[in-house]
Amino acid sequence: MSSHLELTGFHGSALEPHLDALGRLRIAVFREYPYLYEGTLEYERDYLQTYCRSERSLVVLMFDGAEVVGATTCLPMTDEGPEFQEPFINAGRDLATICYFGESILLPPYRGRGIGKEFFRRREEHARRLGARVTTFCAVDRPPDHPRRPPGYEPLDAMWTKQGYAKHSDLKATFVWKEIGEPAESPKTLTFWLKEWPPA
């Protein structure tokens, strides 16, 4: 790990040259608990096209030299897929006022250095430029006694709360992915966290 880390933002199609690097990072980080995601680069390329198609998206990549070692993403909820939009539509919320925060991921050697807070700051700044009144993300639901929960594991709820986010148990989405040890894909429930912003 070098001492020279660089954070660079990309919008829309400018992300294209970095899709595979970001996809590999997602596969590596989300393989850990609590997601236990057994991903493929083919799926990642398709999933990340959402950010390439949205010229109002923001993807911040953290480089250590030429290697992508961290990333965070966001885009207007109106540019997201229906599985993200549906809980908010059902709750009567205006999608045009919402900015969705996707992943915020770092390889283990780069954690605990305040980079996660910087990722939040950059996404929130972008969301406010877009005129968003709500910023939101979702996290997978796992029981405290999950058999793959590592000893000493601490969820990020306290950090998210400090950043001003509140868990909304009434806003849930179901996503399907293949988990480590599973013979096939299965549905998982994720709960949304929200932060409300005053008018600009």
C-alpha atoms as a PDB file:
ATOM      1  CA  MET A   1       0.000   0.000   0.000  1.00  0.00           C
ATOM      2  CA  SER A   2       1.525   3.284  -1.100  1.00  0.00           C
ATOM      3  CA  SER A   3       1.138   6.601   0.694  1.00  0.00           C
ATOM      4  CA  HIS A   4      -0.252   8.214  -2.467  1.00  0.00           C
ATOM      5  CA  LEU A   5      -3.999   7.687  -2.703  1.00  0.00           C
ATOM      6  CA  GLU A   6      -6.080   9.564  -5.235  1.00  0.00           C
ATOM      7  CA  LEU A   7      -9.863   9.988  -5.338  1.00  0.00           C
ATOM      8  CA  THR A   8     -11.278  10.726  -8.786  1.00  0.00           C
ATOM      9  CA  GLY A   9     -14.909  11.317  -9.746  1.00  0.00           C
ATOM     10  CA  PHE A  10     -16.538  10.072 -12.947  1.00  0.00           C
ATOM     11  CA  HIS A  11     -19.911  10.867 -14.494  1.00  0.00           C
ATOM     12  CA  GLY A  12     -21.878   8.720 -16.913  1.00  0.00           C
ATOM     13  CA  SER A  13     -19.960   7.148 -19.778  1.00  0.00           C
ATOM     14  CA  ALA A  14     -16.623   8.428 -18.434  1.00  0.00           C
ATOM     15  CA  LEU A  15     -16.722   5.395 -16.121  1.00  0.00           C
ATOM     16  CA  GLU A  16     -16.530   2.918 -19.030  1.00  0.00           C
ATOM     17  CA  PRO A  17     -12.716   2.405 -18.995  1.00  0.00           C
ATOM     18  CA  HIS A  18     -12.873   1.443 -15.315  1.00  0.00           C
ATOM     19  CA  LEU A  19     -15.851  -0.940 -15.345  1.00  0.00           C
ATOM     20  CA  ASP A  20     -13.848  -4.142 -14.990  1.00  0.00           C
ATOM     21  CA  ALA A  21     -11.678  -2.751 -12.191  1.00  0.00           C
ATOM     22  CA  LEU A  22     -14.768  -1.593 -10.308  1.00  0.00           C
ATOM     23  CA  GLY A  23     -16.494  -4.919 -10.956  1.00  0.00           C
ATOM     24  CA  ARG A  24     -13.544  -6.863  -9.549  1.00  0.00           C
ATOM     25  CA  LEU A  25     -13.497  -4.622  -6.482  1.00  0.00           C
ATOM     26  CA  ARG A  26     -17.219  -5.177  -5.886  1.00  0.00           C
ATOM     27  CA  ILE A  27     -16.805  -8.934  -6.187  1.00  0.00           C
ATOM     28  CA  ALA A  28     -13.921  -8.924  -3.700  1.00  0.00           C
ATOM     29  CA  VAL A  29     -15.576  -6.721  -1.067  1.00  0.00           C
ATOM     30  CA  PHE A  30     -19.113  -8.072  -1.298  1.00  0.00           C
ATOM     31  CA  ARG A  31     -17.823 -11.624  -0.921  1.00  0.00           C
ATOM     32  CA  GLU A  32     -17.290 -10.698   2.743  1.00  0.00           C
ATOM     33  CA  TYR A  33     -20.032 -10.887   5.366  1.00  0.00           C
ATOM     34  CA  PRO A  34     -22.781  -9.648   5.412  1.00  0.00           C
ATOM     35  CA  TYR A  35     -23.342  -9.885   1.629  1.00  0.00           C
ATOM     36  CA  LEU A  36     -21.500 -13.165   0.951  1.00  0.00           C
ATOM     37  CA  TYR A  37     -21.893 -12.394  -2.744  1.00  0.00           C
ATOM     38  CA  GLU A  38     -20.507 -14.868  -5.250  1.00  0.00           C
ATOM     39  CA  GLY A  39     -20.360 -12.556  -8.241  1.00  0.00           C
ATOM     40  CA  THR A  40     -19.197 -12.701 -11.826  1.00  0.00           C
ATOM     41  CA  LEU A  41     -17.559 -10.019 -13.929  1.00  0.00           C
ATOM     42  CA  GLU A  42     -20.212 -10.544 -16.597  1.00  0.00           C
ATOM     43  CA  TYR A  43     -22.968  -9.614 -14.143  1.00  0.00           C
ATOM     44  CA  GLU A  44     -20.943  -6.681 -12.838  1.00  0.00           C
ATOM     45  CA  ARG A  45     -20.510  -5.194 -16.295  1.00  0.00           C
ATOM     46  CA  ASP A  46     -24.262  -5.317 -16.835  1.00  0.00           C
ATOM     47  CA  TYR A  47     -25.101  -3.912 -13.374  1.00  0.00           C
ATOM     48  CA  LEU A  48     -22.656  -1.009 -13.671  1.00  0.00           C
ATOM     49  CA  GLN A  49     -24.084   0.091 -17.009  1.00  0.00           C
ATOM     50  CA  THR A  50     -26.781   1.862 -14.973  1.00  0.00           C
ATOM     51  CA  TYR A  51     -24.142   4.375 -13.874  1.00  0.00           C
ATOM     52  CA  CYS A  52     -22.719   4.697 -17.375  1.00  0.00           C
ATOM     53  CA  ARG A  53     -26.153   5.475 -18.826  1.00  0.00           C
ATOM     54  CA  SER A  54     -26.878   8.196 -16.262  1.00  0.00           C
ATOM     55  CA  GLU A  55     -25.008  11.417 -17.022  1.00  0.00           C
ATOM     56  CA  ARG A  56     -26.095  12.628 -13.563  1.00  0.00           C
ATOM     57  CA  SER A  57     -24.417   9.744 -11.775  1.00  0.00           C
ATOM     58  CA  LEU A  58     -21.271  10.082  -9.703  1.00  0.00           C
ATOM     59  CA  VAL A  59     -18.751   7.301  -9.208  1.00  0.00           C
ATOM     60  CA  VAL A  60     -15.715   8.112  -7.079  1.00  0.00           C
ATOM     61  CA  LEU A  61     -12.828   5.685  -7.449  1.00  0.00           C
ATOM     62  CA  MET A  62      -9.915   5.570  -5.059  1.00  0.00           C
ATOM     63  CA  PHE A  63      -6.625   4.679  -6.714  1.00  0.00           C
ATOM     64  CA  ASP A  64      -3.455   3.409  -5.083  1.00  0.00           C
ATOM     65  CA  GLY A  65      -1.163   3.953  -8.016  1.00  0.00           C
ATOM     66  CA  ALA A  66      -2.964   2.323 -10.940  1.00  0.00           C
ATOM     67  CA  GLU A  67      -5.038  -0.032  -8.768  1.00  0.00           C
ATOM     68  CA  VAL A  68      -8.664   0.708  -7.849  1.00  0.00           C
ATOM     69  CA  VAL A  69      -8.856  -0.004  -4.101  1.00  0.00           C
ATOM     70  CA  GLY A  70     -12.068   1.804  -3.171  1.00  0.00           C
ATOM     71  CA  ALA A  71     -15.231   3.176  -4.718  1.00  0.00           C
ATOM     72  CA  THR A  72     -18.504   4.877  -3.969  1.00  0.00           C
ATOM     73  CA  THR A  73     -21.490   5.508  -6.251  1.00  0.00           C
ATOM     74  CA  CYS A  74     -24.704   7.498  -6.474  1.00  0.00           C
ATOM     75  CA  LEU A  75     -27.301   8.602  -8.995  1.00  0.00           C
ATOM     76  CA  PRO A  76     -30.801  10.082  -9.134  1.00  0.00           C
ATOM     77  CA  MET A  77     -33.428   7.541  -8.096  1.00  0.00           C
ATOM     78  CA  THR A  78     -35.245   8.277 -11.365  1.00  0.00           C
ATOM     79  CA  ASP A  79     -32.257   6.720 -13.176  1.00  0.00           C
ATOM     80  CA  GLU A  80     -32.225   3.581 -11.020  1.00  0.00           C
ATOM     81  CA  GLY A  81     -33.960   0.276 -11.758  1.00  0.00           C
ATOM     82  CA  PRO A  82     -37.547  -0.545 -10.772  1.00  0.00           C
ATOM     83  CA  GLU A  83     -36.473  -2.822  -7.898  1.00  0.00           C
ATOM     84  CA  PHE A  84     -34.916   0.224  -6.183  1.00  0.00           C
ATOM     85  CA  GLN A  85     -37.767   2.577  -7.063  1.00  0.00           C
ATOM     86  CA  GLU A  86     -40.721   0.384  -6.113  1.00  0.00           C
ATOM     87  CA  PRO A  87     -40.562   0.758  -2.286  1.00  0.00           C
ATOM     88  CA  PHE A  88     -40.558   4.553  -2.631  1.00  0.00           C
ATOM     89  CA  ILE A  89     -43.356   4.594  -5.189  1.00  0.00           C
ATOM     90  CA  ASN A  90     -45.449   2.358  -2.916  1.00  0.00           C
ATOM     91  CA  ALA A  91     -44.760   4.762  -0.023  1.00  0.00           C
ATOM     92  CA  GLY A  92     -45.980   7.720  -2.082  1.00  0.00           C
ATOM     93  CA  ARG A  93     -42.575   9.408  -2.276  1.00  0.00           C
ATOM     94  CA  ASP A  94     -41.508  11.586  -5.198  1.00  0.00           C
ATOM     95  CA  LEU A  95     -38.610   9.828  -6.946  1.00  0.00           C
ATOM     96  CA  ALA A  96     -37.438  13.124  -8.446  1.00  0.00           C
ATOM     97  CA  THR A  97     -36.449  14.340  -4.963  1.00  0.00           C
ATOM     98  CA  ILE A  98     -34.314  11.276  -4.093  1.00  0.00           C
ATOM     99  CA  CYS A  99     -30.667  10.484  -4.758  1.00  0.00           C
ATOM    100  CA  TYR A 100     -29.734   6.829  -4.343  1.00  0.00           C
ATOM    101  CA  PHE A 101     -26.352   5.913  -2.875  1.00  0.00           C
ATOM    102  CA  GLY A 102     -25.023   2.587  -4.145  1.00  0.00           C
ATOM    103  CA  GLU A 103     -21.906   0.937  -2.843  1.00  0.00           C
ATOM    104  CA  SER A 104     -19.257   2.436  -0.600  1.00  0.00           C
ATOM    105  CA  ILE A 105     -16.450  -0.118  -0.613  1.00  0.00           C
ATOM    106  CA  LEU A 106     -12.801  -0.350   0.353  1.00  0.00           C
ATOM    107  CA  LEU A 107     -10.290  -3.163   0.397  1.00  0.00           C
ATOM    108  CA  PRO A 108      -9.399  -4.116   4.014  1.00  0.00           C
ATOM    109  CA  PRO A 109      -5.990  -2.359   4.221  1.00  0.00           C
ATOM    110  CA  TYR A 110      -7.612   1.002   3.453  1.00  0.00           C
ATOM    111  CA  ARG A 111     -10.381   0.897   6.069  1.00  0.00           C
ATOM    112  CA  GLY A 112     -10.445   2.841   9.321  1.00  0.00           C
ATOM    113  CA  ARG A 113      -8.820   5.931   7.813  1.00  0.00           C
ATOM    114  CA  GLY A 114     -11.875   8.166   7.432  1.00  0.00           C
ATOM    115  CA  ILE A 115     -12.306   7.430   3.727  1.00  0.00           C
ATOM    116  CA  GLY A 116     -15.868   6.179   4.243  1.00  0.00           C
ATOM    117  CA  LYS A 117     -16.849   9.573   5.661  1.00  0.00           C
ATOM    118  CA  GLU A 118     -15.237  11.301   2.688  1.00  0.00           C
ATOM    119  CA  PHE A 119     -17.237   9.050   0.374  1.00  0.00           C
ATOM    120  CA  PHE A 120     -20.433  10.175   2.111  1.00  0.00           C
ATOM    121  CA  ARG A 121     -19.387  13.825   1.865  1.00  0.00           C
ATOM    122  CA  ARG A 122     -18.756  13.621  -1.871  1.00  0.00           C
ATOM    123  CA  ARG A 123     -22.000  11.823  -2.614  1.00  0.00           C
ATOM    124  CA  GLU A 124     -24.052  14.208  -0.489  1.00  0.00           C
ATOM    125  CA  GLU A 125     -22.422  17.193  -2.148  1.00  0.00           C
ATOM    126  CA  HIS A 126     -23.333  15.762  -5.555  1.00  0.00           C
ATOM    127  CA  ALA A 127     -26.887  14.997  -4.418  1.00  0.00           C
ATOM    128  CA  ARG A 128     -27.389  18.552  -3.219  1.00  0.00           C
ATOM    129  CA  ARG A 129     -26.126  19.899  -6.539  1.00  0.00           C
ATOM    130  CA  LEU A 130     -28.800  17.776  -8.188  1.00  0.00           C
ATOM    131  CA  GLY A 131     -31.424  19.340  -5.916  1.00  0.00           C
ATOM    132  CA  ALA A 132     -32.167  16.140  -3.975  1.00  0.00           C
ATOM    133  CA  ARG A 133     -34.225  16.450  -0.791  1.00  0.00           C
ATOM    134  CA  VAL A 134     -33.535  12.868   0.297  1.00  0.00           C
ATOM    135  CA  THR A 135     -30.404  10.730   0.130  1.00  0.00           C
ATOM    136  CA  THR A 136     -30.761   7.008   0.691  1.00  0.00           C
ATOM    137  CA  PHE A 137     -29.015   3.665   0.547  1.00  0.00           C
ATOM    138  CA  CYS A 138     -29.977   0.114   1.458  1.00  0.00           C
ATOM    139  CA  ALA A 139     -28.237  -2.612   3.433  1.00  0.00           C
ATOM    140  CA  VAL A 140     -28.837  -6.354   3.585  1.00  0.00           C
ATOM    141  CA  ASP A 141     -30.757  -7.733   6.567  1.00  0.00           C
ATOM    142  CA  ARG A 142     -28.978 -10.490   8.493  1.00  0.00           C
ATOM    143  CA  PRO A 143     -29.978 -12.047  11.839  1.00  0.00           C
ATOM    144  CA  PRO A 144     -27.541 -11.601  14.745  1.00  0.00           C
ATOM    145  CA  ASP A 145     -27.020 -15.366  14.894  1.00  0.00           C
ATOM    146  CA  HIS A 146     -26.246 -15.833  11.201  1.00  0.00           C
ATOM    147  CA  PRO A 147     -23.886 -18.842  10.927  1.00  0.00           C
ATOM    148  CA  ARG A 148     -21.388 -16.956   8.763  1.00  0.00           C
ATOM    149  CA  ARG A 149     -21.211 -13.867  10.983  1.00  0.00           C
ATOM    150  CA  PRO A 150     -17.506 -13.443  11.878  1.00  0.00           C
ATOM    151  CA  PRO A 151     -16.511 -13.184  15.555  1.00  0.00           C
ATOM    152  CA  GLY A 152     -16.392  -9.560  16.637  1.00  0.00           C
ATOM    153  CA  TYR A 153     -18.314  -8.345  13.586  1.00  0.00           C
ATOM    154  CA  GLU A 154     -19.789  -4.868  14.111  1.00  0.00           C
ATOM    155  CA  PRO A 155     -22.472  -3.608  11.709  1.00  0.00           C
ATOM    156  CA  LEU A 156     -22.085  -0.078  10.354  1.00  0.00           C
ATOM    157  CA  ASP A 157     -25.373   1.154  11.830  1.00  0.00           C
ATOM    158  CA  ALA A 158     -23.675   3.426  14.387  1.00  0.00           C
ATOM    159  CA  MET A 159     -21.541   5.112  11.720  1.00  0.00           C
ATOM    160  CA  TRP A 160     -24.534   5.614   9.437  1.00  0.00           C
ATOM    161  CA  THR A 161     -26.524   7.110  12.308  1.00  0.00           C
ATOM    162  CA  LYS A 162     -23.676   9.540  13.037  1.00  0.00           C
ATOM    163  CA  GLN A 163     -23.807  10.585   9.388  1.00  0.00           C
ATOM    164  CA  GLY A 164     -27.441  11.591   9.896  1.00  0.00           C
ATOM    165  CA  TYR A 165     -29.189   8.543   8.428  1.00  0.00           C
ATOM    166  CA  ALA A 166     -32.170   6.741   9.928  1.00  0.00           C
ATOM    167  CA  LYS A 167     -33.247   3.189   9.228  1.00  0.00           C
ATOM    168  CA  HIS A 168     -36.721   2.941   7.688  1.00  0.00           C
ATOM    169  CA  SER A 169     -38.034  -0.561   8.306  1.00  0.00           C
ATOM    170  CA  ASP A 170     -41.072   0.276   6.193  1.00  0.00           C
ATOM    171  CA  LEU A 171     -38.892   0.663   3.088  1.00  0.00           C
ATOM    172  CA  LYS A 172     -37.536  -2.679   1.954  1.00  0.00           C
ATOM    173  CA  ALA A 173     -36.448  -4.195  -1.324  1.00  0.00           C
ATOM    174  CA  THR A 174     -35.767  -7.760  -2.394  1.00  0.00           C
ATOM    175  CA  PHE A 175     -32.748  -8.609  -4.521  1.00  0.00           C
ATOM    176  CA  VAL A 176     -31.533 -11.947  -5.798  1.00  0.00           C
ATOM    177  CA  TRP A 177     -27.914 -13.109  -5.820  1.00  0.00           C
ATOM    178  CA  LYS A 178     -25.913 -16.294  -5.342  1.00  0.00           C
ATOM    179  CA  GLU A 179     -24.470 -16.488  -1.863  1.00  0.00           C
ATOM    180  CA  ILE A 180     -21.303 -18.373  -0.966  1.00  0.00           C
ATOM    181  CA  GLY A 181     -22.258 -21.974  -0.304  1.00  0.00           C
ATOM    182  CA  GLU A 182     -25.624 -21.745  -2.072  1.00  0.00           C
ATOM    183  CA  PRO A 183     -26.367 -24.008  -5.052  1.00  0.00           C
ATOM    184  CA  ALA A 184     -28.318 -21.230  -6.791  1.00  0.00           C
ATOM    185  CA  GLU A 185     -29.429 -17.626  -6.472  1.00  0.00           C
ATOM    186  CA  SER A 186     -31.903 -16.784  -3.707  1.00  0.00           C
ATOM    187  CA  PRO A 187     -33.810 -13.645  -2.636  1.00  0.00           C
ATOM    188  CA  LYS A 188     -32.430 -11.368   0.097  1.00  0.00           C
ATOM    189  CA  THR A 189     -34.180  -8.497   1.854  1.00  0.00           C
ATOM    190  CA  LEU A 190     -32.500  -5.092   2.163  1.00  0.00           C
ATOM    191  CA  THR A 191     -33.706  -2.153   4.255  1.00  0.00           C
ATOM    192  CA  PHE A 192     -33.310   1.502   3.248  1.00  0.00           C
ATOM    193  CA  TRP A 193     -31.701   4.222   5.349  1.00  0.00           C
ATOM    194  CA  LEU A 194     -32.712   7.851   4.673  1.00  0.00           C
ATOM    195  CA  LYS A 195     -31.455  11.349   5.335  1.00  0.00           C
ATOM    196  CA  GLU A 196     -33.839  14.254   4.792  1.00  0.00           C
ATOM    197  CA  TRP A 197     -32.417  17.594   3.613  1.00  0.00           C
ATOM    198  CA  PRO A 198     -33.916  21.076   3.992  1.00  0.00           C
ATOM    199  CA  PRO A 199     -34.630  23.091   0.854  1.00  0.00           C
ATOM    200  CA  ALA A 200     -31.471  24.493  -0.734  1.00  0.00           C
END
